[in-house]
Amino acid sequence: MSRMCSICGKAPMSGNKVSKSYNHTRRSWRPNLIKVKAQFGGTSRTITICTRCLRSGFVDKKVSVPKTTETSAQ
């Protein structure tokens, strides 16, 4: 799994962590990615997207509907 969003292309970034004494050490920021089953053209695929794209509604999750059972009136 690559660390990249399938929708917006968000990928890891790198930069410096700066301490109080102004020492610089390299670090990386990773996007918040999740795997989601989504409908594309009538077929369902598992894609890796960032939570920002999911929240913005770019993808409709494929949700399984549970079977309803009849409950007797008590």
C-alpha atoms as a PDB file:
ATOM      1  CA  MET A   1       0.000   0.000   0.000  1.00  0.00           C
ATOM      2  CA  SER A   2       1.473   3.310  -1.002  1.00  0.00           C
ATOM      3  CA  ARG A   3       1.036   6.139   1.448  1.00  0.00           C
ATOM      4  CA  MET A   4      -0.960   8.284  -0.960  1.00  0.00           C
ATOM      5  CA  CYS A   5      -4.612   9.272  -1.198  1.00  0.00           C
ATOM      6  CA  SER A   6      -6.308   7.877  -4.315  1.00  0.00           C
ATOM      7  CA  ILE A   7      -8.537  10.955  -4.646  1.00  0.00           C
ATOM      8  CA  CYS A   8      -6.453  14.057  -3.910  1.00  0.00           C
ATOM      9  CA  GLY A   9      -2.931  12.603  -4.131  1.00  0.00           C
ATOM     10  CA  LYS A  10      -1.940  13.669  -0.621  1.00  0.00           C
ATOM     11  CA  ALA A  11       1.396  12.001   0.243  1.00  0.00           C
ATOM     12  CA  PRO A  12       3.967  12.127   3.051  1.00  0.00           C
ATOM     13  CA  MET A  13       5.861  15.389   3.499  1.00  0.00           C
ATOM     14  CA  SER A  14       9.240  15.894   5.105  1.00  0.00           C
ATOM     15  CA  GLY A  15      10.785  18.757   6.972  1.00  0.00           C
ATOM     16  CA  ASN A  16      12.597  19.693  10.137  1.00  0.00           C
ATOM     17  CA  LYS A  17      11.636  19.231  13.755  1.00  0.00           C
ATOM     18  CA  VAL A  18      12.908  22.318  15.580  1.00  0.00           C
ATOM     19  CA  SER A  19      13.671  22.070  19.285  1.00  0.00           C
ATOM     20  CA  LYS A  20      13.636  24.836  21.872  1.00  0.00           C
ATOM     21  CA  SER A  21      17.389  25.225  21.426  1.00  0.00           C
ATOM     22  CA  TYR A  22      16.808  25.501  17.658  1.00  0.00           C
ATOM     23  CA  ASN A  23      18.376  22.142  16.801  1.00  0.00           C
ATOM     24  CA  HIS A  24      17.042  20.770  13.514  1.00  0.00           C
ATOM     25  CA  THR A  25      16.354  17.074  12.942  1.00  0.00           C
ATOM     26  CA  ARG A  26      14.570  15.579   9.946  1.00  0.00           C
ATOM     27  CA  ARG A  27      11.046  14.227  10.355  1.00  0.00           C
ATOM     28  CA  SER A  28       8.077  13.304   8.171  1.00  0.00           C
ATOM     29  CA  TRP A  29       4.360  14.030   8.282  1.00  0.00           C
ATOM     30  CA  ARG A  30       2.112  11.255   7.020  1.00  0.00           C
ATOM     31  CA  PRO A  31      -1.482  11.746   5.827  1.00  0.00           C
ATOM     32  CA  ASN A  32      -4.314  10.134   7.769  1.00  0.00           C
ATOM     33  CA  LEU A  33      -5.242   7.326   5.354  1.00  0.00           C
ATOM     34  CA  ILE A  34      -7.915   4.647   5.608  1.00  0.00           C
ATOM     35  CA  LYS A  35      -9.033   1.797   3.364  1.00  0.00           C
ATOM     36  CA  VAL A  36     -12.636   2.131   2.208  1.00  0.00           C
ATOM     37  CA  LYS A  37     -14.857  -0.047   0.037  1.00  0.00           C
ATOM     38  CA  ALA A  38     -16.498   2.211  -2.541  1.00  0.00           C
ATOM     39  CA  GLN A  39     -18.738   1.835  -5.594  1.00  0.00           C
ATOM     40  CA  PHE A  40     -17.164   2.729  -8.954  1.00  0.00           C
ATOM     41  CA  GLY A  41     -19.159   2.101 -12.115  1.00  0.00           C
ATOM     42  CA  GLY A  42     -21.236  -0.654 -10.539  1.00  0.00           C
ATOM     43  CA  THR A  43     -18.248  -2.509  -9.113  1.00  0.00           C
ATOM     44  CA  SER A  44     -16.943  -2.230  -5.582  1.00  0.00           C
ATOM     45  CA  ARG A  45     -13.251  -1.572  -5.002  1.00  0.00           C
ATOM     46  CA  THR A  46     -11.133  -1.044  -1.925  1.00  0.00           C
ATOM     47  CA  ILE A  47      -9.301   2.262  -2.193  1.00  0.00           C
ATOM     48  CA  THR A  48      -7.002   4.161   0.123  1.00  0.00           C
ATOM     49  CA  ILE A  49      -8.229   7.689   0.823  1.00  0.00           C
ATOM     50  CA  CYS A  50      -7.461  10.385   3.348  1.00  0.00           C
ATOM     51  CA  THR A  51     -10.036  11.228   5.981  1.00  0.00           C
ATOM     52  CA  ARG A  52     -10.441  14.735   4.561  1.00  0.00           C
ATOM     53  CA  CYS A  53     -11.698  13.322   1.241  1.00  0.00           C
ATOM     54  CA  LEU A  54     -14.042  10.936   3.047  1.00  0.00           C
ATOM     55  CA  ARG A  55     -15.445  13.750   5.199  1.00  0.00           C
ATOM     56  CA  SER A  56     -15.876  16.038   2.197  1.00  0.00           C
ATOM     57  CA  GLY A  57     -18.037  13.440   0.470  1.00  0.00           C
ATOM     58  CA  PHE A  58     -15.859  12.713  -2.556  1.00  0.00           C
ATOM     59  CA  VAL A  59     -16.515   8.977  -2.068  1.00  0.00           C
ATOM     60  CA  ASP A  60     -19.678   7.125  -1.117  1.00  0.00           C
ATOM     61  CA  LYS A  61     -18.863   4.206   1.135  1.00  0.00           C
ATOM     62  CA  LYS A  62     -20.319   0.846   0.262  1.00  0.00           C
ATOM     63  CA  VAL A  63     -22.381  -0.023   3.329  1.00  0.00           C
ATOM     64  CA  SER A  64     -23.714  -3.486   3.942  1.00  0.00           C
ATOM     65  CA  VAL A  65     -27.322  -3.433   5.097  1.00  0.00           C
ATOM     66  CA  PRO A  66     -28.047  -5.979   7.827  1.00  0.00           C
ATOM     67  CA  LYS A  67     -30.971  -8.321   7.446  1.00  0.00           C
ATOM     68  CA  THR A  68     -34.019  -7.224   9.386  1.00  0.00           C
ATOM     69  CA  THR A  69     -35.747  -9.818  11.464  1.00  0.00           C
ATOM     70  CA  GLU A  70     -39.344  -9.613  12.412  1.00  0.00           C
ATOM     71  CA  THR A  71     -39.839  -9.036  16.084  1.00  0.00           C
ATOM     72  CA  SER A  72     -43.063 -10.121  17.657  1.00  0.00           C
ATOM     73  CA  ALA A  73     -45.080  -7.522  19.528  1.00  0.00           C
ATOM     74  CA  GLN A  74     -44.888  -8.223  23.221  1.00  0.00           C
END
